[in-house]
Every structure is written in C-alpha cells, then in structure tokens.
C-alpha cells in the first residue's frame, strides 16, 4: 500500500477544474477552483497516486543524474556554499558562495542566482541578437513553472533563472532558440534551419534539458 502523499493546495479564482501537478521546487500541488471543497484535493491526489509516484521518482532520478555532491551547480561549475553568521546577501568568491546562515540562506541564494542570471543572459542576448540583426526590447528574469524561456511578439525576452543550474552549453542553446524567434515566431522548418545555422548541435542540449530539467532546483 502506498504511503500518504503530502501535498499543498492553491486556490485559483479563474480555475475551472481541479489540477494536480508535481512541481520540482514545491512538490505535489493541487490547484482548486475558488468554490471547490477541500476534500476534492484529497480525492484527486488519491485517484492520481500512481501517476504522482512516477513523477516523484523521475524527479529523484533527474536530481541524482545531476549529482551535486553537496555543492551548488553553476553553468557546469560547482560552488561550495559557506554559511556566515551575520551575512544577509550571498556573494561569490572564486569557487565558494558565501551565504547567510540558517533559514535566510535559501532565499539569499535564489536572489544571487537571479542577479547572476541577468548578467549571464543579457550578455549572451546582446551578442546573439547583434549577430542575427534583430534586437530584443526587454529582458525579464523569472521562475516560470512550465517553461525555460519565451520571446514575445514585441521582442520582450523572459528567461528562467534556473537555467544557471544547467551546463553552460544548455543556456547558450536556450538563448539562441529565443533569439531565432525574433526573426521567425513559429517552429516552422525555416526556424529550425536558422537555429541549426547559429547553434549547431542544439538537439543534444535540448535533449539534456528534457531529460534533466526536473532536477534543476536548489
């Protein structure tokens, strides 16, 4: 008999039906419409227990494949976290990341990754968009639940900071994918040809992200 699965409930006013999802950062989440009784969440989790267990197992395998060994991944490097009493802001010093001690550590680490993501991604975006001859208009760093990046019709770019937990070549591929969308909005053969031209070998990086993306969490 399966053990009881812990989950959290999130009510969404616009939701029309119950949704169960396995979030790499927050675990099992049940989205409920505003008026749905709380027991609906428990019933949904019970009904979907086999599927949830498979998703949790895949998440565990993805984290194991990345193999952190107690360190923080950063574009293929490993940073050793060093807690310091009295520190309020994470700061990198060579191969070490100096972080606050205690409960303040994780939020400070995420804020540091977000700052680093803006720096790492903006430089790559500037260079790639210059090569392709089409500028982007804005860069936003987010923590999207279901996507790694997006390019809006007006040229606004959005990237997930958790890409910095992947190897550098994966981030390079995602940047080029979105930059190619500045010229071709869809995924037509012309788009893939353009991506092939500017990012040879992108299929390998896309495959890595599909296989290991669930494990890209702190």
N, C-alpha and C. Protein backbone atom coordinates (compact mmCIF):
# COMPACT_ATOMS: atom_id res chain seq x y z
N UNK A 1 0.85 -1.20 0.00
CA UNK A 1 0.00 0.00 0.00
C UNK A 1 0.88 1.25 0.00
N UNK A 2 0.60 2.21 -0.85
CA UNK A 2 1.40 3.42 -0.96
C UNK A 2 1.26 4.29 0.28
N UNK A 3 2.35 4.96 0.66
CA UNK A 3 2.29 5.89 1.77
C UNK A 3 1.51 7.13 1.35
N UNK A 4 0.95 7.82 2.32
CA UNK A 4 0.18 9.02 2.02
C UNK A 4 1.09 10.09 1.44
N UNK A 5 0.68 10.70 0.35
CA UNK A 5 1.49 11.69 -0.34
C UNK A 5 1.20 13.08 0.20
N UNK A 6 2.21 13.79 0.70
CA UNK A 6 1.97 15.16 1.15
C UNK A 6 1.75 16.08 -0.05
N UNK A 7 0.90 17.07 0.11
CA UNK A 7 0.62 18.00 -0.97
C UNK A 7 0.19 19.34 -0.39
N UNK A 8 0.24 20.34 -1.23
CA UNK A 8 -0.26 21.65 -0.82
C UNK A 8 -1.39 22.06 -1.77
N UNK A 9 -2.27 22.89 -1.28
CA UNK A 9 -3.44 23.33 -2.06
C UNK A 9 -3.28 24.81 -2.41
N UNK A 10 -3.54 25.11 -3.67
CA UNK A 10 -3.52 26.51 -4.12
C UNK A 10 -4.85 26.80 -4.81
N UNK A 11 -5.58 27.76 -4.28
CA UNK A 11 -6.87 28.13 -4.88
C UNK A 11 -6.65 29.22 -5.94
N UNK A 12 -7.26 29.02 -7.09
CA UNK A 12 -7.14 29.96 -8.20
C UNK A 12 -8.55 30.35 -8.63
N UNK A 13 -8.84 31.63 -8.56
CA UNK A 13 -10.20 32.10 -8.84
C UNK A 13 -10.66 31.74 -10.25
N UNK A 14 -9.76 31.76 -11.20
CA UNK A 14 -10.15 31.51 -12.59
C UNK A 14 -10.14 30.02 -12.96
N UNK A 15 -9.65 29.19 -12.07
CA UNK A 15 -9.59 27.76 -12.37
C UNK A 15 -11.00 27.19 -12.53
N UNK A 16 -11.17 26.33 -13.54
CA UNK A 16 -12.48 25.73 -13.78
C UNK A 16 -12.55 24.27 -13.35
N UNK A 17 -11.37 23.69 -13.12
CA UNK A 17 -11.35 22.29 -12.68
C UNK A 17 -10.15 22.05 -11.78
N UNK A 18 -10.16 20.92 -11.13
CA UNK A 18 -9.06 20.55 -10.24
C UNK A 18 -7.87 20.09 -11.07
N UNK A 19 -6.67 20.57 -10.71
CA UNK A 19 -5.44 20.15 -11.38
C UNK A 19 -4.42 19.70 -10.35
N UNK A 20 -3.76 18.60 -10.65
CA UNK A 20 -2.69 18.10 -9.78
C UNK A 20 -1.39 18.16 -10.58
N UNK A 21 -0.37 18.73 -9.99
CA UNK A 21 0.92 18.83 -10.66
C UNK A 21 2.04 18.54 -9.66
N UNK A 22 3.16 18.08 -10.20
CA UNK A 22 4.35 17.84 -9.38
C UNK A 22 5.35 18.92 -9.75
N UNK A 23 5.57 19.83 -8.82
CA UNK A 23 6.47 20.95 -9.04
C UNK A 23 7.86 20.59 -8.53
N UNK A 24 8.92 20.77 -9.35
CA UNK A 24 10.27 20.40 -8.90
C UNK A 24 10.71 21.11 -7.64
N UNK A 25 10.21 22.32 -7.40
CA UNK A 25 10.62 23.07 -6.23
C UNK A 25 9.72 22.85 -5.02
N UNK A 26 8.41 22.71 -5.27
CA UNK A 26 7.46 22.71 -4.17
C UNK A 26 6.75 21.37 -3.95
N UNK A 27 7.06 20.38 -4.73
CA UNK A 27 6.42 19.07 -4.54
C UNK A 27 5.05 19.00 -5.19
N UNK A 28 4.17 18.22 -4.59
CA UNK A 28 2.85 18.00 -5.16
C UNK A 28 1.93 19.17 -4.82
N UNK A 29 1.30 19.71 -5.83
CA UNK A 29 0.40 20.85 -5.65
C UNK A 29 -0.94 20.54 -6.30
N UNK A 30 -2.02 20.89 -5.61
CA UNK A 30 -3.36 20.73 -6.15
C UNK A 30 -3.96 22.12 -6.33
N UNK A 31 -4.34 22.42 -7.56
CA UNK A 31 -4.99 23.70 -7.87
C UNK A 31 -6.50 23.49 -7.80
N UNK A 32 -7.16 24.28 -6.95
CA UNK A 32 -8.61 24.15 -6.77
C UNK A 32 -9.31 25.42 -7.23
N UNK A 33 -10.46 25.28 -7.90
CA UNK A 33 -11.31 26.46 -8.15
C UNK A 33 -11.73 27.07 -6.83
N UNK A 34 -12.07 28.33 -6.85
CA UNK A 34 -12.37 29.06 -5.61
C UNK A 34 -13.43 28.38 -4.77
N UNK A 35 -14.47 27.84 -5.39
CA UNK A 35 -15.58 27.29 -4.61
C UNK A 35 -15.50 25.79 -4.34
N UNK A 36 -14.45 25.14 -4.77
CA UNK A 36 -14.35 23.69 -4.59
C UNK A 36 -14.06 23.33 -3.15
N UNK A 37 -14.72 22.31 -2.60
CA UNK A 37 -14.44 21.90 -1.23
C UNK A 37 -13.04 21.30 -1.11
N UNK A 38 -12.45 21.43 0.07
CA UNK A 38 -11.08 20.99 0.29
C UNK A 38 -10.93 19.48 0.07
N UNK A 39 -12.00 18.73 0.37
CA UNK A 39 -11.91 17.27 0.21
C UNK A 39 -11.68 16.87 -1.25
N UNK A 40 -12.00 17.78 -2.18
CA UNK A 40 -11.76 17.49 -3.59
C UNK A 40 -10.27 17.29 -3.87
N UNK A 41 -9.44 18.03 -3.15
CA UNK A 41 -7.99 17.90 -3.34
C UNK A 41 -7.52 16.52 -2.91
N UNK A 42 -7.98 16.07 -1.75
CA UNK A 42 -7.59 14.75 -1.26
C UNK A 42 -8.05 13.65 -2.21
N UNK A 43 -9.25 13.80 -2.75
CA UNK A 43 -9.76 12.79 -3.67
C UNK A 43 -8.94 12.75 -4.96
N UNK A 44 -8.54 13.92 -5.44
CA UNK A 44 -7.74 13.98 -6.67
C UNK A 44 -6.38 13.34 -6.47
N UNK A 45 -5.75 13.60 -5.33
CA UNK A 45 -4.44 13.01 -5.04
C UNK A 45 -4.56 11.50 -4.91
N UNK A 46 -5.60 11.04 -4.25
CA UNK A 46 -5.80 9.60 -4.10
C UNK A 46 -5.99 8.93 -5.46
N UNK A 47 -6.76 9.56 -6.32
CA UNK A 47 -7.04 8.99 -7.64
C UNK A 47 -5.78 8.94 -8.51
N UNK A 48 -4.93 9.95 -8.38
CA UNK A 48 -3.75 10.06 -9.24
C UNK A 48 -2.47 9.58 -8.58
N UNK A 49 -2.58 8.87 -7.46
CA UNK A 49 -1.39 8.44 -6.73
C UNK A 49 -0.37 7.71 -7.58
N UNK A 50 -0.74 6.73 -8.42
CA UNK A 50 0.28 6.06 -9.25
C UNK A 50 1.04 7.02 -10.16
N UNK A 51 0.31 7.96 -10.79
CA UNK A 51 0.96 8.94 -11.66
C UNK A 51 1.86 9.86 -10.86
N UNK A 52 1.41 10.31 -9.69
CA UNK A 52 2.22 11.19 -8.84
C UNK A 52 3.51 10.49 -8.42
N UNK A 53 3.40 9.23 -8.04
CA UNK A 53 4.58 8.47 -7.61
C UNK A 53 5.58 8.32 -8.74
N UNK A 54 5.10 8.13 -9.95
CA UNK A 54 6.01 8.04 -11.10
C UNK A 54 6.72 9.37 -11.33
N UNK A 55 5.97 10.48 -11.21
CA UNK A 55 6.57 11.79 -11.39
C UNK A 55 7.62 12.08 -10.32
N UNK A 56 7.33 11.73 -9.08
CA UNK A 56 8.28 11.96 -7.99
C UNK A 56 9.53 11.11 -8.17
N UNK A 57 9.35 9.88 -8.67
CA UNK A 57 10.50 9.01 -8.92
C UNK A 57 11.38 9.58 -10.02
N UNK A 58 10.75 10.11 -11.08
CA UNK A 58 11.52 10.71 -12.17
C UNK A 58 12.27 11.95 -11.69
N UNK A 59 11.63 12.73 -10.82
CA UNK A 59 12.28 13.90 -10.25
C UNK A 59 13.51 13.48 -9.46
N UNK A 60 13.38 12.44 -8.66
CA UNK A 60 14.51 11.95 -7.87
C UNK A 60 15.64 11.46 -8.77
N UNK A 61 15.29 10.78 -9.86
CA UNK A 61 16.32 10.29 -10.80
C UNK A 61 17.02 11.45 -11.48
N UNK A 62 16.26 12.50 -11.85
CA UNK A 62 16.87 13.66 -12.50
C UNK A 62 17.86 14.34 -11.57
N UNK A 63 17.51 14.48 -10.30
CA UNK A 63 18.42 15.10 -9.34
C UNK A 63 19.67 14.24 -9.14
N UNK A 64 19.48 12.93 -9.13
CA UNK A 64 20.61 12.03 -8.95
C UNK A 64 21.56 12.10 -10.15
N UNK A 65 21.00 12.22 -11.37
CA UNK A 65 21.84 12.29 -12.56
C UNK A 65 22.73 13.54 -12.55
N UNK A 66 22.20 14.64 -12.02
CA UNK A 66 22.97 15.87 -11.98
C UNK A 66 24.12 15.76 -10.98
N UNK A 67 23.92 15.02 -9.89
CA UNK A 67 24.99 14.70 -8.97
C UNK A 67 25.71 15.90 -8.39
N UNK A 68 25.11 16.57 -7.43
CA UNK A 68 25.68 17.80 -6.91
C UNK A 68 26.78 17.60 -5.87
N UNK A 69 26.76 16.49 -5.17
CA UNK A 69 27.77 16.23 -4.13
C UNK A 69 27.81 17.35 -3.09
N UNK A 70 26.65 17.87 -2.75
CA UNK A 70 26.57 18.90 -1.72
C UNK A 70 26.92 20.30 -2.19
N UNK A 71 27.28 20.47 -3.47
CA UNK A 71 27.64 21.79 -3.99
C UNK A 71 26.50 22.38 -4.81
N UNK A 72 26.61 23.66 -5.13
CA UNK A 72 25.61 24.34 -5.94
C UNK A 72 26.08 24.40 -7.39
N UNK A 73 25.30 23.87 -8.34
CA UNK A 73 25.72 23.92 -9.75
C UNK A 73 25.58 25.32 -10.32
N UNK A 74 26.55 25.68 -11.18
CA UNK A 74 26.51 26.99 -11.82
C UNK A 74 27.16 26.88 -13.19
N UNK A 75 26.34 26.70 -14.22
CA UNK A 75 26.82 26.63 -15.60
C UNK A 75 27.97 25.63 -15.76
N UNK A 76 27.81 24.47 -15.14
CA UNK A 76 28.81 23.43 -15.27
C UNK A 76 29.86 23.45 -14.19
N UNK A 77 29.92 24.50 -13.39
CA UNK A 77 30.85 24.57 -12.26
C UNK A 77 30.14 24.07 -11.00
N UNK A 78 30.91 23.92 -9.93
CA UNK A 78 30.36 23.56 -8.63
C UNK A 78 30.82 24.61 -7.62
N UNK A 79 29.86 25.26 -6.96
CA UNK A 79 30.18 26.26 -5.95
C UNK A 79 29.90 25.68 -4.57
N UNK A 80 30.87 25.80 -3.69
CA UNK A 80 30.71 25.31 -2.32
C UNK A 80 30.07 26.41 -1.49
N UNK A 81 28.91 26.11 -0.89
CA UNK A 81 28.21 27.09 -0.07
C UNK A 81 28.86 27.19 1.31
N UNK A 82 29.17 28.42 1.73
CA UNK A 82 29.82 28.66 3.03
C UNK A 82 28.93 29.59 3.85
N UNK A 83 28.19 29.06 4.83
CA UNK A 83 27.35 29.93 5.68
C UNK A 83 28.21 30.82 6.57
N UNK A 84 27.79 32.08 6.69
CA UNK A 84 28.49 33.03 7.56
C UNK A 84 27.47 33.76 8.42
N UNK A 85 27.68 33.74 9.72
CA UNK A 85 26.79 34.43 10.64
C UNK A 85 26.82 35.94 10.36
N UNK A 86 25.64 36.55 10.35
CA UNK A 86 25.55 37.97 10.14
C UNK A 86 25.47 38.40 8.69
N UNK A 87 25.71 37.49 7.77
CA UNK A 87 25.63 37.83 6.35
C UNK A 87 24.16 37.85 5.92
N UNK A 88 23.80 38.81 5.08
CA UNK A 88 22.41 38.92 4.61
C UNK A 88 22.30 38.73 3.10
N UNK A 89 23.42 38.76 2.41
CA UNK A 89 23.42 38.70 0.95
C UNK A 89 24.46 37.69 0.48
N UNK A 90 24.07 36.83 -0.46
CA UNK A 90 25.01 35.84 -0.98
C UNK A 90 26.03 36.54 -1.88
N UNK A 91 27.26 36.03 -1.83
CA UNK A 91 28.35 36.63 -2.61
C UNK A 91 29.32 35.54 -3.04
N UNK A 92 29.67 35.55 -4.32
CA UNK A 92 30.61 34.55 -4.83
C UNK A 92 32.06 35.02 -4.62
N UNK A 93 32.89 34.08 -4.17
CA UNK A 93 34.32 34.33 -4.06
C UNK A 93 35.04 33.12 -4.62
N UNK A 94 35.41 33.20 -5.89
CA UNK A 94 36.05 32.07 -6.54
C UNK A 94 35.09 30.89 -6.64
N UNK A 95 35.51 29.74 -6.11
CA UNK A 95 34.68 28.55 -6.13
C UNK A 95 33.76 28.43 -4.94
N UNK A 96 33.63 29.50 -4.16
CA UNK A 96 32.79 29.47 -2.96
C UNK A 96 31.66 30.49 -3.10
N UNK A 97 30.51 30.14 -2.52
CA UNK A 97 29.40 31.08 -2.44
C UNK A 97 29.14 31.34 -0.97
N UNK A 98 29.44 32.55 -0.54
CA UNK A 98 29.24 32.95 0.85
C UNK A 98 27.77 33.29 1.04
N UNK A 99 27.13 32.65 1.99
CA UNK A 99 25.68 32.77 2.15
C UNK A 99 25.32 33.05 3.60
N UNK A 100 24.12 33.60 3.86
CA UNK A 100 23.67 33.76 5.25
C UNK A 100 23.51 32.41 5.93
N UNK A 101 23.61 32.41 7.21
CA UNK A 101 23.39 31.18 7.97
C UNK A 101 21.90 31.00 8.27
N UNK A 102 21.48 29.75 8.44
CA UNK A 102 20.12 29.46 8.87
C UNK A 102 19.07 29.57 7.77
N UNK A 103 17.85 29.95 8.17
CA UNK A 103 16.71 29.96 7.25
C UNK A 103 16.83 31.01 6.15
N UNK A 104 17.67 32.00 6.35
CA UNK A 104 17.82 33.06 5.34
C UNK A 104 18.67 32.60 4.16
N UNK A 105 19.27 31.44 4.25
CA UNK A 105 20.22 31.00 3.21
C UNK A 105 19.55 30.81 1.86
N UNK A 106 18.48 30.01 1.82
CA UNK A 106 17.88 29.66 0.53
C UNK A 106 17.34 30.86 -0.23
N UNK A 107 16.58 31.77 0.42
CA UNK A 107 16.13 32.97 -0.31
C UNK A 107 17.30 33.81 -0.83
N UNK A 108 18.37 33.91 -0.04
CA UNK A 108 19.52 34.70 -0.47
C UNK A 108 20.22 34.05 -1.66
N UNK A 109 20.30 32.73 -1.65
CA UNK A 109 20.92 32.01 -2.77
C UNK A 109 20.11 32.23 -4.04
N UNK A 110 18.78 32.13 -3.95
CA UNK A 110 17.95 32.34 -5.14
C UNK A 110 18.10 33.76 -5.67
N UNK A 111 18.14 34.74 -4.78
CA UNK A 111 18.32 36.13 -5.22
C UNK A 111 19.66 36.29 -5.93
N UNK A 112 20.69 35.61 -5.43
CA UNK A 112 22.00 35.69 -6.07
C UNK A 112 21.95 35.08 -7.47
N UNK A 113 21.29 33.93 -7.60
CA UNK A 113 21.16 33.31 -8.92
C UNK A 113 20.38 34.21 -9.87
N UNK A 114 19.37 34.87 -9.39
CA UNK A 114 18.60 35.77 -10.25
C UNK A 114 19.48 36.92 -10.75
N UNK A 115 20.29 37.49 -9.86
CA UNK A 115 21.19 38.56 -10.28
C UNK A 115 22.21 38.04 -11.30
N UNK A 116 22.76 36.88 -11.01
CA UNK A 116 23.74 36.30 -11.92
C UNK A 116 23.11 35.97 -13.27
N UNK A 117 21.86 35.51 -13.24
CA UNK A 117 21.18 35.16 -14.50
C UNK A 117 21.03 36.38 -15.39
N UNK A 118 20.70 37.50 -14.81
CA UNK A 118 20.55 38.72 -15.64
C UNK A 118 21.87 39.05 -16.31
N UNK A 119 22.97 38.94 -15.57
CA UNK A 119 24.27 39.25 -16.15
C UNK A 119 24.66 38.24 -17.22
N UNK A 120 24.52 36.95 -16.91
CA UNK A 120 24.93 35.91 -17.86
C UNK A 120 24.07 35.95 -19.13
N UNK A 121 22.78 36.13 -18.96
CA UNK A 121 21.87 36.05 -20.11
C UNK A 121 21.90 37.32 -20.94
N UNK A 122 21.98 38.48 -20.30
CA UNK A 122 21.96 39.73 -21.07
C UNK A 122 23.15 39.82 -22.01
N UNK A 123 24.33 39.40 -21.56
CA UNK A 123 25.49 39.42 -22.43
C UNK A 123 25.34 38.51 -23.63
N UNK A 124 24.79 37.33 -23.40
CA UNK A 124 24.57 36.38 -24.49
C UNK A 124 23.49 36.90 -25.44
N UNK A 125 22.44 37.49 -24.89
CA UNK A 125 21.38 38.03 -25.73
C UNK A 125 21.88 39.17 -26.61
N UNK A 126 22.68 40.06 -26.02
CA UNK A 126 23.21 41.19 -26.78
C UNK A 126 24.04 40.68 -27.96
N UNK A 127 24.91 39.70 -27.69
CA UNK A 127 25.79 39.19 -28.74
C UNK A 127 25.01 38.46 -29.82
N UNK A 128 24.08 37.60 -29.41
CA UNK A 128 23.33 36.80 -30.39
C UNK A 128 22.40 37.66 -31.23
N UNK A 129 21.72 38.62 -30.61
CA UNK A 129 20.80 39.46 -31.38
C UNK A 129 21.56 40.36 -32.34
N UNK A 130 22.80 40.74 -31.97
CA UNK A 130 23.62 41.53 -32.89
C UNK A 130 24.01 40.70 -34.11
N UNK A 131 24.33 39.43 -33.89
CA UNK A 131 24.69 38.54 -35.00
C UNK A 131 23.52 38.36 -35.94
N UNK A 132 22.33 38.19 -35.36
CA UNK A 132 21.17 37.89 -36.19
C UNK A 132 20.56 39.14 -36.81
N UNK A 133 20.94 40.31 -36.25
CA UNK A 133 20.49 41.57 -36.83
C UNK A 133 19.12 42.02 -36.40
N UNK A 134 18.59 41.43 -35.33
CA UNK A 134 17.26 41.82 -34.83
C UNK A 134 17.36 42.02 -33.32
N UNK A 135 17.14 43.24 -32.83
CA UNK A 135 17.29 43.50 -31.39
C UNK A 135 16.09 43.01 -30.58
N UNK A 136 16.34 42.67 -29.34
CA UNK A 136 15.24 42.41 -28.41
C UNK A 136 14.93 43.70 -27.66
N UNK A 137 13.79 43.76 -26.99
CA UNK A 137 13.38 45.02 -26.36
C UNK A 137 13.53 45.03 -24.85
N UNK A 138 13.42 43.88 -24.23
CA UNK A 138 13.45 43.85 -22.76
C UNK A 138 13.82 42.44 -22.29
N UNK A 139 14.50 42.35 -21.15
CA UNK A 139 14.83 41.07 -20.56
C UNK A 139 14.24 40.99 -19.16
N UNK A 140 13.51 39.92 -18.90
CA UNK A 140 12.95 39.67 -17.58
C UNK A 140 13.45 38.31 -17.08
N UNK A 141 13.88 38.27 -15.84
CA UNK A 141 14.32 37.02 -15.22
C UNK A 141 13.20 36.54 -14.30
N UNK A 142 12.75 35.32 -14.52
CA UNK A 142 11.61 34.79 -13.76
C UNK A 142 11.91 33.39 -13.24
N UNK A 143 10.90 32.81 -12.62
CA UNK A 143 10.96 31.43 -12.16
C UNK A 143 9.71 30.73 -12.68
N UNK A 144 9.61 30.63 -14.02
CA UNK A 144 8.41 30.07 -14.63
C UNK A 144 8.21 28.62 -14.19
N UNK A 145 6.98 28.23 -14.09
CA UNK A 145 6.66 26.87 -13.67
C UNK A 145 6.81 25.87 -14.81
N UNK A 146 6.49 26.27 -16.03
CA UNK A 146 6.37 25.29 -17.10
C UNK A 146 7.26 25.56 -18.31
N UNK A 147 8.04 26.64 -18.30
CA UNK A 147 8.88 26.90 -19.47
C UNK A 147 10.21 27.49 -19.03
N UNK A 148 11.18 27.38 -19.92
CA UNK A 148 12.53 27.87 -19.62
C UNK A 148 12.75 29.28 -20.14
N UNK A 149 12.05 29.65 -21.18
CA UNK A 149 12.24 30.98 -21.74
C UNK A 149 11.10 31.27 -22.70
N UNK A 150 10.96 32.53 -23.07
CA UNK A 150 9.94 32.91 -24.06
C UNK A 150 10.36 34.20 -24.74
N UNK A 151 9.83 34.38 -25.95
CA UNK A 151 10.07 35.60 -26.72
C UNK A 151 8.72 36.12 -27.18
N UNK A 152 8.33 37.28 -26.67
CA UNK A 152 7.05 37.86 -27.04
C UNK A 152 7.14 38.50 -28.42
N UNK A 153 5.98 38.76 -29.00
CA UNK A 153 5.93 39.28 -30.37
C UNK A 153 6.63 40.63 -30.50
N UNK A 154 6.67 41.41 -29.43
CA UNK A 154 7.34 42.71 -29.49
C UNK A 154 8.82 42.66 -29.20
N UNK A 155 9.36 41.45 -28.98
CA UNK A 155 10.79 41.32 -28.72
C UNK A 155 11.18 41.27 -27.26
N UNK A 156 10.18 41.20 -26.35
CA UNK A 156 10.47 41.08 -24.93
C UNK A 156 10.88 39.64 -24.61
N UNK A 157 11.98 39.48 -23.91
CA UNK A 157 12.52 38.17 -23.57
C UNK A 157 12.31 37.86 -22.09
N UNK A 158 11.99 36.61 -21.81
CA UNK A 158 11.85 36.15 -20.43
C UNK A 158 12.61 34.84 -20.29
N UNK A 159 13.45 34.76 -19.26
CA UNK A 159 14.26 33.56 -19.02
C UNK A 159 14.12 33.10 -17.58
N UNK A 160 14.17 31.80 -17.40
CA UNK A 160 14.11 31.17 -16.08
C UNK A 160 15.51 31.16 -15.47
N UNK A 161 15.66 31.71 -14.28
CA UNK A 161 16.98 31.78 -13.65
C UNK A 161 17.56 30.39 -13.39
N UNK A 162 16.71 29.38 -13.32
CA UNK A 162 17.21 28.03 -13.02
C UNK A 162 18.03 27.43 -14.17
N UNK A 163 18.05 28.11 -15.32
CA UNK A 163 18.94 27.68 -16.39
C UNK A 163 20.41 27.74 -15.96
N UNK A 164 20.72 28.57 -14.97
CA UNK A 164 22.10 28.66 -14.49
C UNK A 164 22.52 27.41 -13.73
N UNK A 165 21.56 26.56 -13.39
CA UNK A 165 21.88 25.29 -12.74
C UNK A 165 22.27 24.23 -13.76
N UNK A 166 22.12 24.53 -15.04
CA UNK A 166 22.45 23.61 -16.12
C UNK A 166 23.86 23.90 -16.64
N UNK A 167 24.42 23.02 -17.46
CA UNK A 167 25.70 23.32 -18.11
C UNK A 167 25.60 24.56 -19.00
N UNK A 168 26.71 25.23 -19.21
CA UNK A 168 26.73 26.48 -19.97
C UNK A 168 26.20 26.30 -21.38
N UNK A 169 26.53 25.18 -22.01
CA UNK A 169 26.10 24.96 -23.39
C UNK A 169 24.58 24.88 -23.50
N UNK A 170 23.90 24.46 -22.42
CA UNK A 170 22.43 24.41 -22.43
C UNK A 170 21.86 25.82 -22.41
N UNK A 171 22.42 26.68 -21.57
CA UNK A 171 21.98 28.08 -21.56
C UNK A 171 22.21 28.72 -22.92
N UNK A 172 23.37 28.47 -23.53
CA UNK A 172 23.65 29.04 -24.85
C UNK A 172 22.59 28.61 -25.87
N UNK A 173 22.20 27.33 -25.82
CA UNK A 173 21.17 26.85 -26.74
C UNK A 173 19.85 27.56 -26.52
N UNK A 174 19.42 27.71 -25.27
CA UNK A 174 18.13 28.35 -24.99
C UNK A 174 18.15 29.80 -25.46
N UNK A 175 19.26 30.49 -25.23
CA UNK A 175 19.37 31.87 -25.70
C UNK A 175 19.21 31.93 -27.22
N UNK A 176 19.91 31.07 -27.94
CA UNK A 176 19.82 31.09 -29.39
C UNK A 176 18.42 30.70 -29.88
N UNK A 177 17.79 29.79 -29.17
CA UNK A 177 16.42 29.41 -29.54
C UNK A 177 15.51 30.63 -29.52
N UNK A 178 15.59 31.40 -28.43
CA UNK A 178 14.71 32.57 -28.31
C UNK A 178 15.12 33.69 -29.27
N UNK A 179 16.42 33.86 -29.49
CA UNK A 179 16.86 34.90 -30.42
C UNK A 179 16.39 34.59 -31.84
N UNK A 180 16.40 33.32 -32.21
CA UNK A 180 15.89 32.96 -33.54
C UNK A 180 14.41 33.28 -33.67
N UNK A 181 13.70 33.27 -32.55
CA UNK A 181 12.28 33.64 -32.59
C UNK A 181 12.08 35.13 -32.86
N UNK A 182 13.11 35.92 -32.69
CA UNK A 182 13.00 37.34 -33.05
C UNK A 182 12.75 37.49 -34.55
N UNK A 183 13.25 36.55 -35.32
CA UNK A 183 13.05 36.59 -36.77
C UNK A 183 11.90 35.71 -37.23
N UNK A 184 11.74 34.55 -36.60
CA UNK A 184 10.71 33.60 -37.00
C UNK A 184 9.95 33.16 -35.75
N UNK A 185 8.70 33.57 -35.65
CA UNK A 185 7.95 33.36 -34.40
C UNK A 185 7.54 31.92 -34.18
N UNK A 186 7.34 31.16 -35.26
CA UNK A 186 6.84 29.78 -35.11
C UNK A 186 7.99 28.78 -35.11
N UNK A 187 7.61 27.49 -35.10
CA UNK A 187 8.59 26.41 -35.17
C UNK A 187 8.53 25.73 -36.54
N UNK A 188 8.52 26.53 -37.55
CA UNK A 188 8.49 26.04 -38.93
C UNK A 188 9.87 25.50 -39.31
N UNK A 189 9.96 24.79 -40.43
CA UNK A 189 11.28 24.33 -40.90
C UNK A 189 12.28 25.47 -41.03
N UNK A 190 11.82 26.66 -41.41
CA UNK A 190 12.72 27.80 -41.54
C UNK A 190 13.32 28.17 -40.19
N UNK A 191 12.52 28.06 -39.12
CA UNK A 191 13.06 28.36 -37.79
C UNK A 191 14.16 27.38 -37.41
N UNK A 192 13.90 26.08 -37.61
CA UNK A 192 14.89 25.08 -37.22
C UNK A 192 16.15 25.21 -38.07
N UNK A 193 16.01 25.60 -39.32
CA UNK A 193 17.17 25.81 -40.17
C UNK A 193 18.01 26.98 -39.64
N UNK A 194 17.32 28.04 -39.19
CA UNK A 194 18.02 29.19 -38.63
C UNK A 194 18.75 28.81 -37.35
N UNK A 195 18.10 28.01 -36.51
CA UNK A 195 18.74 27.56 -35.27
C UNK A 195 19.93 26.67 -35.57
N UNK A 196 19.79 25.80 -36.57
CA UNK A 196 20.91 24.95 -36.98
C UNK A 196 22.11 25.79 -37.43
N UNK A 197 21.83 26.87 -38.11
CA UNK A 197 22.90 27.74 -38.62
C UNK A 197 23.69 28.38 -37.49
N UNK A 198 22.98 28.84 -36.47
CA UNK A 198 23.63 29.61 -35.41
C UNK A 198 24.00 28.79 -34.18
N UNK A 199 23.38 27.64 -34.02
CA UNK A 199 23.65 26.82 -32.83
C UNK A 199 23.74 25.35 -33.23
N UNK A 200 24.78 24.98 -33.95
CA UNK A 200 24.93 23.57 -34.34
C UNK A 200 24.99 22.67 -33.10
N UNK A 201 24.37 21.51 -33.19
CA UNK A 201 24.36 20.61 -32.05
C UNK A 201 23.31 20.93 -31.00
N UNK A 202 22.37 21.83 -31.34
CA UNK A 202 21.35 22.22 -30.35
C UNK A 202 20.49 21.05 -29.90
N UNK A 203 20.34 20.05 -30.75
CA UNK A 203 19.48 18.92 -30.38
C UNK A 203 20.00 18.21 -29.14
N UNK A 204 21.29 18.09 -29.01
CA UNK A 204 21.86 17.44 -27.84
C UNK A 204 21.55 18.23 -26.58
N UNK A 205 21.63 19.55 -26.66
CA UNK A 205 21.35 20.39 -25.49
C UNK A 205 19.86 20.37 -25.15
N UNK A 206 19.02 20.38 -26.17
CA UNK A 206 17.58 20.28 -25.92
C UNK A 206 17.23 18.96 -25.27
N UNK A 207 17.89 17.88 -25.71
CA UNK A 207 17.66 16.57 -25.11
C UNK A 207 18.11 16.54 -23.66
N UNK A 208 19.26 17.18 -23.37
CA UNK A 208 19.73 17.24 -21.98
C UNK A 208 18.70 17.94 -21.10
N UNK A 209 18.14 19.02 -21.60
CA UNK A 209 17.18 19.79 -20.81
C UNK A 209 15.90 19.00 -20.58
N UNK A 210 15.44 18.28 -21.61
CA UNK A 210 14.25 17.45 -21.44
C UNK A 210 14.48 16.36 -20.39
N UNK A 211 15.67 15.78 -20.42
CA UNK A 211 15.95 14.66 -19.53
C UNK A 211 16.25 15.09 -18.09
N UNK A 212 16.86 16.25 -17.94
CA UNK A 212 17.36 16.64 -16.63
C UNK A 212 16.70 17.88 -16.04
N UNK A 213 15.78 18.50 -16.81
CA UNK A 213 15.19 19.76 -16.36
C UNK A 213 14.51 19.68 -14.99
N UNK A 214 13.90 18.55 -14.69
CA UNK A 214 13.23 18.41 -13.39
C UNK A 214 14.19 18.55 -12.22
N UNK A 215 15.46 18.23 -12.46
CA UNK A 215 16.43 18.28 -11.38
C UNK A 215 17.07 19.64 -11.18
N UNK A 216 16.69 20.61 -11.98
CA UNK A 216 17.30 21.95 -11.86
C UNK A 216 16.58 22.78 -10.82
N UNK A 217 16.78 22.41 -9.58
CA UNK A 217 16.20 23.13 -8.44
C UNK A 217 17.26 23.20 -7.34
N UNK A 218 17.12 24.19 -6.48
CA UNK A 218 18.05 24.33 -5.35
C UNK A 218 17.71 23.31 -4.27
